[in-house]
Amino acid sequence: MIRETEENLVSIITPVYNATRFIKDTARSVFNQSYSNCEWILVDDCSKDNSWILLSELSKNDKRVKIYRNIINFKSGKTRNLAIKKAKGRFIAFLDSDDLWHPEKLNTQIPFMLNNQYHFSHTSYGYINEDGKRIKSIFHVRKEVDYYHLLKRTEVSCLTAIYDA
């Protein structure tokens, strides 16, 4: 077990666009993490639904939640990069606004990286539909990923990646 010290802070990066239907479930998966030493940076990318209102509620209820709002729609990639600039954590983790994490994700991945002195890691993942029903079992990734295999097929899913900044 790794101590949750300030130096092991995880910044969770979430771009948000029209996520009203999903953001409460995504929030539950963040708040249910057994590793709680994190900040959650959410950037609303000019949503046209009630996403900003929900983000505002989340930030009022938990001081780890930091919310920002783009003045123009930058799309997810640039919005992620803007959020990374706001991050204070040693570790950067990605979670899209319609994705969910296993409760032990951070508590497994962060000690694994520290104990092995890895700068990057990722995990397996599965697929669910918009109603939360499993549509594909866990997608197992290769134990090690090299450049050649990444050219053939990208096995690193954004929601599973963490890097040591």
N, C-alpha and C. Protein backbone atom coordinates (compact mmCIF):
# COMPACT_ATOMS: atom_id res chain seq x y z
N MET A 1 0.84 -1.19 0.00
CA MET A 1 0.00 0.00 0.00
C MET A 1 0.88 1.25 0.00
N ILE A 2 0.64 2.13 -0.91
CA ILE A 2 1.36 3.40 -1.04
C ILE A 2 0.61 4.47 -0.24
N ARG A 3 1.36 5.23 0.53
CA ARG A 3 0.73 6.33 1.26
C ARG A 3 0.24 7.38 0.28
N GLU A 4 -0.92 7.90 0.55
CA GLU A 4 -1.51 8.93 -0.31
C GLU A 4 -0.96 10.29 0.10
N THR A 5 0.28 10.55 -0.24
CA THR A 5 0.92 11.80 0.11
C THR A 5 0.67 12.83 -0.98
N GLU A 6 0.95 14.09 -0.64
CA GLU A 6 0.77 15.17 -1.60
C GLU A 6 1.58 14.92 -2.87
N GLU A 7 2.74 14.30 -2.71
CA GLU A 7 3.58 14.05 -3.89
C GLU A 7 3.01 12.97 -4.81
N ASN A 8 2.03 12.21 -4.33
CA ASN A 8 1.40 11.16 -5.15
C ASN A 8 -0.02 11.55 -5.60
N LEU A 9 -0.27 12.85 -5.67
CA LEU A 9 -1.57 13.35 -6.11
C LEU A 9 -1.84 12.93 -7.56
N VAL A 10 -3.07 12.49 -7.81
CA VAL A 10 -3.51 12.14 -9.17
C VAL A 10 -4.46 13.22 -9.66
N SER A 11 -4.18 13.75 -10.84
CA SER A 11 -5.09 14.70 -11.50
C SER A 11 -5.90 13.93 -12.53
N ILE A 12 -7.19 13.88 -12.33
CA ILE A 12 -8.09 13.19 -13.25
C ILE A 12 -8.62 14.23 -14.23
N ILE A 13 -8.42 13.98 -15.50
CA ILE A 13 -8.76 14.93 -16.57
C ILE A 13 -10.01 14.46 -17.30
N THR A 14 -11.03 15.33 -17.32
CA THR A 14 -12.29 14.98 -17.98
C THR A 14 -12.81 16.13 -18.83
N PRO A 15 -12.77 15.97 -20.16
CA PRO A 15 -13.46 16.94 -21.01
C PRO A 15 -14.96 16.62 -20.98
N VAL A 16 -15.77 17.66 -20.99
CA VAL A 16 -17.22 17.46 -20.88
C VAL A 16 -17.92 18.17 -22.03
N TYR A 17 -18.77 17.42 -22.72
CA TYR A 17 -19.61 18.03 -23.75
C TYR A 17 -20.95 17.29 -23.76
N ASN A 18 -22.01 18.00 -23.43
CA ASN A 18 -23.36 17.45 -23.39
C ASN A 18 -23.40 16.11 -22.65
N ALA A 19 -22.95 16.12 -21.41
CA ALA A 19 -22.80 14.88 -20.64
C ALA A 19 -23.85 14.71 -19.54
N THR A 20 -24.93 15.44 -19.61
CA THR A 20 -25.94 15.37 -18.56
C THR A 20 -26.38 13.94 -18.25
N ARG A 21 -26.54 13.13 -19.27
CA ARG A 21 -27.02 11.75 -19.08
C ARG A 21 -26.03 10.87 -18.33
N PHE A 22 -24.74 11.19 -18.39
CA PHE A 22 -23.72 10.28 -17.89
C PHE A 22 -22.91 10.79 -16.70
N ILE A 23 -22.83 12.09 -16.51
CA ILE A 23 -21.85 12.64 -15.58
C ILE A 23 -22.05 12.20 -14.13
N LYS A 24 -23.27 11.95 -13.71
CA LYS A 24 -23.49 11.49 -12.33
C LYS A 24 -22.90 10.11 -12.11
N ASP A 25 -23.04 9.22 -13.08
CA ASP A 25 -22.44 7.89 -12.96
C ASP A 25 -20.92 7.97 -13.01
N THR A 26 -20.41 8.83 -13.87
CA THR A 26 -18.96 9.02 -13.95
C THR A 26 -18.44 9.57 -12.63
N ALA A 27 -19.15 10.53 -12.06
CA ALA A 27 -18.76 11.10 -10.76
C ALA A 27 -18.76 10.03 -9.68
N ARG A 28 -19.76 9.18 -9.67
CA ARG A 28 -19.83 8.11 -8.68
C ARG A 28 -18.60 7.20 -8.78
N SER A 29 -18.16 6.94 -10.02
CA SER A 29 -17.00 6.07 -10.18
C SER A 29 -15.71 6.75 -9.72
N VAL A 30 -15.65 8.07 -9.77
CA VAL A 30 -14.50 8.81 -9.23
C VAL A 30 -14.57 8.84 -7.70
N PHE A 31 -15.72 9.19 -7.16
CA PHE A 31 -15.86 9.33 -5.71
C PHE A 31 -15.76 7.99 -4.99
N ASN A 32 -16.02 6.90 -5.69
CA ASN A 32 -15.92 5.56 -5.08
C ASN A 32 -14.52 4.96 -5.16
N GLN A 33 -13.55 5.71 -5.67
CA GLN A 33 -12.18 5.20 -5.74
C GLN A 33 -11.65 4.97 -4.32
N SER A 34 -11.01 3.83 -4.09
CA SER A 34 -10.42 3.57 -2.78
C SER A 34 -9.17 4.44 -2.58
N TYR A 35 -8.55 4.90 -3.65
CA TYR A 35 -7.45 5.86 -3.60
C TYR A 35 -8.07 7.24 -3.76
N SER A 36 -8.05 8.04 -2.70
CA SER A 36 -8.78 9.31 -2.72
C SER A 36 -7.91 10.54 -2.91
N ASN A 37 -6.60 10.36 -3.02
CA ASN A 37 -5.68 11.48 -3.15
C ASN A 37 -5.66 11.98 -4.60
N CYS A 38 -6.73 12.67 -4.95
CA CYS A 38 -6.85 13.12 -6.33
C CYS A 38 -7.56 14.46 -6.41
N GLU A 39 -7.39 15.08 -7.53
CA GLU A 39 -8.19 16.23 -7.92
C GLU A 39 -8.86 15.84 -9.22
N TRP A 40 -10.08 16.32 -9.41
CA TRP A 40 -10.79 15.98 -10.63
C TRP A 40 -11.02 17.27 -11.40
N ILE A 41 -10.39 17.39 -12.54
CA ILE A 41 -10.47 18.59 -13.35
C ILE A 41 -11.42 18.32 -14.51
N LEU A 42 -12.54 19.03 -14.51
CA LEU A 42 -13.55 18.89 -15.56
C LEU A 42 -13.63 20.20 -16.33
N VAL A 43 -13.57 20.10 -17.65
CA VAL A 43 -13.66 21.29 -18.49
C VAL A 43 -14.87 21.13 -19.41
N ASP A 44 -15.85 22.01 -19.21
CA ASP A 44 -17.02 21.99 -20.07
C ASP A 44 -16.67 22.67 -21.40
N ASP A 45 -16.91 21.96 -22.49
CA ASP A 45 -16.53 22.42 -23.82
C ASP A 45 -17.74 22.99 -24.56
N CYS A 46 -18.41 23.97 -23.91
CA CYS A 46 -19.57 24.66 -24.49
C CYS A 46 -20.77 23.74 -24.66
N SER A 47 -21.06 22.96 -23.64
CA SER A 47 -22.23 22.07 -23.70
C SER A 47 -23.50 22.87 -23.91
N LYS A 48 -24.45 22.23 -24.58
CA LYS A 48 -25.74 22.85 -24.84
C LYS A 48 -26.83 22.29 -23.91
N ASP A 49 -26.46 21.37 -23.03
CA ASP A 49 -27.42 20.79 -22.09
C ASP A 49 -27.12 21.34 -20.68
N ASN A 50 -27.49 20.64 -19.65
CA ASN A 50 -27.31 21.09 -18.27
C ASN A 50 -25.99 20.62 -17.66
N SER A 51 -25.03 20.27 -18.46
CA SER A 51 -23.76 19.77 -17.94
C SER A 51 -23.11 20.75 -16.96
N TRP A 52 -23.07 22.04 -17.31
CA TRP A 52 -22.41 23.02 -16.45
C TRP A 52 -23.10 23.10 -15.08
N ILE A 53 -24.39 23.01 -15.04
CA ILE A 53 -25.12 23.04 -13.77
C ILE A 53 -24.73 21.83 -12.91
N LEU A 54 -24.66 20.66 -13.52
CA LEU A 54 -24.27 19.46 -12.78
C LEU A 54 -22.82 19.56 -12.29
N LEU A 55 -21.93 20.09 -13.13
CA LEU A 55 -20.54 20.26 -12.71
C LEU A 55 -20.45 21.22 -11.54
N SER A 56 -21.22 22.28 -11.57
CA SER A 56 -21.23 23.25 -10.48
C SER A 56 -21.68 22.60 -9.18
N GLU A 57 -22.68 21.73 -9.25
CA GLU A 57 -23.14 21.00 -8.06
C GLU A 57 -22.04 20.08 -7.53
N LEU A 58 -21.38 19.38 -8.43
CA LEU A 58 -20.30 18.48 -8.02
C LEU A 58 -19.19 19.25 -7.31
N SER A 59 -18.83 20.42 -7.84
CA SER A 59 -17.73 21.19 -7.25
C SER A 59 -18.11 21.78 -5.90
N LYS A 60 -19.39 22.05 -5.68
CA LYS A 60 -19.85 22.56 -4.38
C LYS A 60 -19.77 21.48 -3.32
N ASN A 61 -19.97 20.22 -3.71
CA ASN A 61 -20.04 19.11 -2.76
C ASN A 61 -18.71 18.44 -2.48
N ASP A 62 -17.68 18.72 -3.28
CA ASP A 62 -16.39 18.05 -3.07
C ASP A 62 -15.28 19.00 -3.51
N LYS A 63 -14.41 19.37 -2.58
CA LYS A 63 -13.35 20.35 -2.87
C LYS A 63 -12.31 19.82 -3.86
N ARG A 64 -12.28 18.52 -4.10
CA ARG A 64 -11.34 17.96 -5.07
C ARG A 64 -11.76 18.23 -6.51
N VAL A 65 -13.00 18.62 -6.70
CA VAL A 65 -13.55 18.87 -8.05
C VAL A 65 -13.26 20.31 -8.46
N LYS A 66 -12.56 20.45 -9.58
CA LYS A 66 -12.22 21.76 -10.15
C LYS A 66 -12.88 21.84 -11.52
N ILE A 67 -13.69 22.88 -11.72
CA ILE A 67 -14.41 22.99 -12.99
C ILE A 67 -13.98 24.25 -13.74
N TYR A 68 -13.96 24.12 -15.06
CA TYR A 68 -13.62 25.21 -15.95
C TYR A 68 -14.56 25.15 -17.14
N ARG A 69 -14.63 26.25 -17.86
CA ARG A 69 -15.54 26.33 -18.99
C ARG A 69 -14.83 26.99 -20.16
N ASN A 70 -14.82 26.32 -21.30
CA ASN A 70 -14.26 26.92 -22.53
C ASN A 70 -15.21 27.99 -23.04
N ILE A 71 -14.65 29.04 -23.64
CA ILE A 71 -15.50 30.09 -24.21
C ILE A 71 -15.90 29.77 -25.65
N ILE A 72 -15.12 28.88 -26.28
CA ILE A 72 -15.50 28.33 -27.59
C ILE A 72 -15.26 26.82 -27.55
N ASN A 73 -15.93 26.11 -28.44
CA ASN A 73 -15.81 24.65 -28.47
C ASN A 73 -14.48 24.25 -29.09
N PHE A 74 -13.61 23.62 -28.27
CA PHE A 74 -12.28 23.21 -28.71
C PHE A 74 -12.20 21.74 -29.09
N LYS A 75 -13.24 20.96 -28.82
CA LYS A 75 -13.24 19.50 -29.01
C LYS A 75 -12.44 18.84 -27.89
N SER A 76 -12.51 17.54 -27.80
CA SER A 76 -11.98 16.84 -26.63
C SER A 76 -10.46 16.90 -26.49
N GLY A 77 -9.71 16.80 -27.58
CA GLY A 77 -8.26 16.78 -27.49
C GLY A 77 -7.68 18.06 -26.91
N LYS A 78 -8.06 19.17 -27.47
CA LYS A 78 -7.55 20.46 -26.98
C LYS A 78 -8.08 20.75 -25.58
N THR A 79 -9.30 20.34 -25.31
CA THR A 79 -9.87 20.53 -23.98
C THR A 79 -9.10 19.72 -22.94
N ARG A 80 -8.72 18.49 -23.28
CA ARG A 80 -7.87 17.69 -22.39
C ARG A 80 -6.55 18.41 -22.11
N ASN A 81 -5.94 18.95 -23.16
CA ASN A 81 -4.67 19.65 -23.00
C ASN A 81 -4.80 20.89 -22.11
N LEU A 82 -5.91 21.61 -22.23
CA LEU A 82 -6.14 22.76 -21.36
C LEU A 82 -6.27 22.31 -19.90
N ALA A 83 -6.95 21.19 -19.69
CA ALA A 83 -7.10 20.65 -18.33
C ALA A 83 -5.76 20.21 -17.75
N ILE A 84 -4.93 19.61 -18.58
CA ILE A 84 -3.60 19.17 -18.12
C ILE A 84 -2.79 20.37 -17.62
N LYS A 85 -2.92 21.51 -18.27
CA LYS A 85 -2.21 22.72 -17.83
C LYS A 85 -2.67 23.18 -16.45
N LYS A 86 -3.89 22.85 -16.07
CA LYS A 86 -4.43 23.21 -14.75
C LYS A 86 -4.05 22.20 -13.68
N ALA A 87 -3.58 21.03 -14.09
CA ALA A 87 -3.33 19.91 -13.18
C ALA A 87 -2.18 20.21 -12.22
N LYS A 88 -2.35 19.78 -10.97
CA LYS A 88 -1.32 19.92 -9.96
C LYS A 88 -0.70 18.58 -9.57
N GLY A 89 -1.27 17.50 -10.07
CA GLY A 89 -0.84 16.17 -9.66
C GLY A 89 0.42 15.68 -10.33
N ARG A 90 1.09 14.79 -9.64
CA ARG A 90 2.25 14.09 -10.22
C ARG A 90 1.78 13.16 -11.33
N PHE A 91 0.63 12.53 -11.10
CA PHE A 91 0.08 11.58 -12.06
C PHE A 91 -1.11 12.19 -12.78
N ILE A 92 -1.19 11.93 -14.08
CA ILE A 92 -2.30 12.40 -14.90
C ILE A 92 -3.07 11.17 -15.37
N ALA A 93 -4.36 11.16 -15.06
CA ALA A 93 -5.25 10.06 -15.47
C ALA A 93 -6.39 10.65 -16.30
N PHE A 94 -6.86 9.88 -17.24
CA PHE A 94 -7.91 10.36 -18.14
C PHE A 94 -9.20 9.59 -17.94
N LEU A 95 -10.30 10.34 -17.90
CA LEU A 95 -11.62 9.73 -17.76
C LEU A 95 -12.60 10.60 -18.52
N ASP A 96 -13.15 10.09 -19.60
CA ASP A 96 -14.14 10.85 -20.35
C ASP A 96 -15.46 10.89 -19.58
N SER A 97 -16.28 11.85 -19.92
CA SER A 97 -17.50 12.12 -19.14
C SER A 97 -18.56 11.03 -19.26
N ASP A 98 -18.38 10.09 -20.16
CA ASP A 98 -19.34 8.98 -20.27
C ASP A 98 -18.70 7.63 -19.96
N ASP A 99 -17.56 7.67 -19.26
CA ASP A 99 -16.85 6.44 -18.90
C ASP A 99 -16.90 6.20 -17.40
N LEU A 100 -16.62 4.95 -17.02
CA LEU A 100 -16.65 4.55 -15.61
C LEU A 100 -15.36 3.83 -15.26
N TRP A 101 -14.94 3.98 -14.01
CA TRP A 101 -13.77 3.29 -13.51
C TRP A 101 -14.15 2.26 -12.46
N HIS A 102 -13.39 1.19 -12.38
CA HIS A 102 -13.49 0.22 -11.30
C HIS A 102 -13.04 0.93 -10.02
N PRO A 103 -13.65 0.65 -8.87
CA PRO A 103 -13.30 1.34 -7.62
C PRO A 103 -11.83 1.19 -7.19
N GLU A 104 -11.15 0.15 -7.66
CA GLU A 104 -9.76 -0.07 -7.27
C GLU A 104 -8.75 0.38 -8.34
N LYS A 105 -9.23 1.05 -9.38
CA LYS A 105 -8.35 1.42 -10.49
C LYS A 105 -7.12 2.19 -10.01
N LEU A 106 -7.31 3.31 -9.35
CA LEU A 106 -6.17 4.14 -8.93
C LEU A 106 -5.35 3.45 -7.85
N ASN A 107 -6.02 2.76 -6.95
CA ASN A 107 -5.32 2.08 -5.85
C ASN A 107 -4.49 0.90 -6.34
N THR A 108 -4.76 0.41 -7.51
CA THR A 108 -3.96 -0.65 -8.12
C THR A 108 -2.86 -0.05 -9.00
N GLN A 109 -3.24 0.90 -9.84
CA GLN A 109 -2.32 1.41 -10.85
C GLN A 109 -1.22 2.30 -10.28
N ILE A 110 -1.53 3.17 -9.33
CA ILE A 110 -0.52 4.09 -8.79
C ILE A 110 0.57 3.33 -8.05
N PRO A 111 0.26 2.43 -7.10
CA PRO A 111 1.34 1.67 -6.46
C PRO A 111 2.14 0.82 -7.46
N PHE A 112 1.46 0.26 -8.46
CA PHE A 112 2.15 -0.52 -9.49
C PHE A 112 3.21 0.34 -10.18
N MET A 113 2.83 1.55 -10.54
CA MET A 113 3.77 2.43 -11.22
C MET A 113 4.92 2.84 -10.30
N LEU A 114 4.61 3.17 -9.06
CA LEU A 114 5.65 3.59 -8.12
C LEU A 114 6.59 2.45 -7.78
N ASN A 115 6.04 1.29 -7.50
CA ASN A 115 6.88 0.14 -7.12
C ASN A 115 7.80 -0.33 -8.24
N ASN A 116 7.38 -0.13 -9.49
CA ASN A 116 8.18 -0.57 -10.63
C ASN A 116 8.89 0.57 -11.35
N GLN A 117 8.73 1.77 -10.84
CA GLN A 117 9.32 2.98 -11.43
C GLN A 117 8.92 3.16 -12.89
N TYR A 118 7.63 2.92 -13.17
CA TYR A 118 7.09 3.12 -14.51
C TYR A 118 6.57 4.54 -14.65
N HIS A 119 6.73 5.11 -15.83
CA HIS A 119 6.24 6.46 -16.09
C HIS A 119 4.88 6.46 -16.77
N PHE A 120 4.45 5.29 -17.21
CA PHE A 120 3.18 5.18 -17.92
C PHE A 120 2.62 3.79 -17.69
N SER A 121 1.31 3.70 -17.54
CA SER A 121 0.66 2.39 -17.50
C SER A 121 -0.77 2.52 -18.02
N HIS A 122 -1.33 1.36 -18.34
CA HIS A 122 -2.73 1.30 -18.77
C HIS A 122 -3.28 -0.05 -18.35
N THR A 123 -4.59 -0.20 -18.45
CA THR A 123 -5.24 -1.42 -17.98
C THR A 123 -6.16 -1.99 -19.06
N SER A 124 -6.74 -3.14 -18.73
CA SER A 124 -7.78 -3.71 -19.56
C SER A 124 -9.05 -2.89 -19.39
N TYR A 125 -10.02 -3.14 -20.26
CA TYR A 125 -11.29 -2.43 -20.15
C TYR A 125 -12.39 -3.23 -20.82
N GLY A 126 -13.62 -2.83 -20.55
CA GLY A 126 -14.78 -3.48 -21.15
C GLY A 126 -15.68 -2.42 -21.78
N TYR A 127 -16.78 -2.87 -22.33
CA TYR A 127 -17.73 -1.97 -22.99
C TYR A 127 -19.12 -2.16 -22.40
N ILE A 128 -19.81 -1.03 -22.19
CA ILE A 128 -21.21 -1.07 -21.79
C ILE A 128 -21.99 -0.16 -22.73
N ASN A 129 -23.30 -0.41 -22.82
CA ASN A 129 -24.10 0.47 -23.66
C ASN A 129 -24.59 1.66 -22.83
N GLU A 130 -25.37 2.53 -23.43
CA GLU A 130 -25.82 3.74 -22.75
C GLU A 130 -26.74 3.46 -21.57
N ASP A 131 -27.27 2.24 -21.49
CA ASP A 131 -28.11 1.85 -20.36
C ASP A 131 -27.32 1.16 -19.26
N GLY A 132 -26.01 1.05 -19.45
CA GLY A 132 -25.15 0.44 -18.43
C GLY A 132 -25.06 -1.07 -18.52
N LYS A 133 -25.57 -1.67 -19.57
CA LYS A 133 -25.49 -3.13 -19.73
C LYS A 133 -24.21 -3.50 -20.47
N ARG A 134 -23.54 -4.54 -19.97
CA ARG A 134 -22.29 -4.99 -20.59
C ARG A 134 -22.58 -5.51 -21.99
N ILE A 135 -21.83 -5.00 -22.97
CA ILE A 135 -22.00 -5.47 -24.34
C ILE A 135 -20.77 -6.19 -24.86
N LYS A 136 -19.66 -6.06 -24.15
CA LYS A 136 -18.45 -6.77 -24.52
C LYS A 136 -17.65 -7.01 -23.25
N SER A 137 -17.19 -8.23 -23.11
CA SER A 137 -16.41 -8.53 -21.91
C SER A 137 -15.10 -7.77 -21.91
N ILE A 138 -14.35 -7.94 -20.88
CA ILE A 138 -13.10 -7.20 -20.73
C ILE A 138 -12.17 -7.43 -21.90
N PHE A 139 -11.66 -6.34 -22.40
CA PHE A 139 -10.67 -6.38 -23.46
C PHE A 139 -9.31 -6.42 -22.79
N HIS A 140 -8.63 -7.54 -22.92
CA HIS A 140 -7.32 -7.69 -22.30
C HIS A 140 -6.26 -7.15 -23.24
N VAL A 141 -5.39 -6.37 -22.67
CA VAL A 141 -4.30 -5.79 -23.46
C VAL A 141 -3.03 -6.60 -23.25
N ARG A 142 -2.10 -6.39 -24.13
CA ARG A 142 -0.81 -7.07 -24.03
C ARG A 142 -0.12 -6.62 -22.74
N LYS A 143 0.67 -7.52 -22.18
CA LYS A 143 1.41 -7.18 -20.97
C LYS A 143 2.35 -6.01 -21.21
N GLU A 144 3.03 -6.03 -22.33
CA GLU A 144 3.89 -4.93 -22.72
C GLU A 144 3.50 -4.50 -24.12
N VAL A 145 3.54 -3.22 -24.36
CA VAL A 145 3.20 -2.69 -25.67
C VAL A 145 4.44 -2.01 -26.23
N ASP A 146 4.80 -2.39 -27.43
CA ASP A 146 5.95 -1.74 -28.06
C ASP A 146 5.48 -0.98 -29.30
N TYR A 147 6.38 -0.25 -29.88
CA TYR A 147 6.07 0.61 -31.01
C TYR A 147 5.47 -0.17 -32.17
N TYR A 148 6.04 -1.33 -32.49
CA TYR A 148 5.56 -2.15 -33.60
C TYR A 148 4.09 -2.53 -33.41
N HIS A 149 3.73 -2.99 -32.21
CA HIS A 149 2.35 -3.40 -31.96
C HIS A 149 1.39 -2.21 -31.91
N LEU A 150 1.88 -1.06 -31.46
CA LEU A 150 1.02 0.12 -31.48
C LEU A 150 0.71 0.56 -32.90
N LEU A 151 1.63 0.34 -33.83
CA LEU A 151 1.35 0.67 -35.22
C LEU A 151 0.26 -0.22 -35.81
N LYS A 152 0.21 -1.45 -35.35
CA LYS A 152 -0.78 -2.41 -35.85
C LYS A 152 -2.16 -2.17 -35.24
N ARG A 153 -2.17 -1.86 -33.95
CA ARG A 153 -3.44 -1.71 -33.24
C ARG A 153 -3.21 -0.94 -31.95
N THR A 154 -4.00 0.06 -31.74
CA THR A 154 -3.88 0.83 -30.50
C THR A 154 -4.63 0.09 -29.40
N GLU A 155 -3.89 -0.37 -28.43
CA GLU A 155 -4.50 -1.10 -27.32
C GLU A 155 -4.67 -0.24 -26.08
N VAL A 156 -4.13 0.96 -26.11
CA VAL A 156 -4.20 1.84 -24.96
C VAL A 156 -5.46 2.70 -25.08
N SER A 157 -6.41 2.46 -24.21
CA SER A 157 -7.63 3.26 -24.20
C SER A 157 -7.42 4.47 -23.30
N CYS A 158 -7.93 5.59 -23.71
CA CYS A 158 -7.73 6.83 -22.96
C CYS A 158 -8.15 6.68 -21.50
N LEU A 159 -9.27 6.05 -21.23
CA LEU A 159 -9.75 5.96 -19.85
C LEU A 159 -8.90 5.06 -18.97
N THR A 160 -7.98 4.31 -19.53
CA THR A 160 -7.15 3.42 -18.71
C THR A 160 -5.75 3.97 -18.50
N ALA A 161 -5.36 5.00 -19.26
CA ALA A 161 -3.99 5.51 -19.23
C ALA A 161 -3.71 6.41 -18.05
N ILE A 162 -2.55 6.23 -17.45
CA ILE A 162 -2.03 7.14 -16.42
C ILE A 162 -0.56 7.35 -16.72
N TYR A 163 -0.12 8.61 -16.63
CA TYR A 163 1.31 8.85 -16.78
C TYR A 163 1.83 9.70 -15.63
N ASP A 164 3.10 9.52 -15.36
CA ASP A 164 3.81 10.25 -14.32
C ASP A 164 4.34 11.52 -14.94
N ALA A 165 3.77 12.64 -14.56
CA ALA A 165 4.15 13.93 -15.15
C ALA A 165 5.49 14.39 -14.64
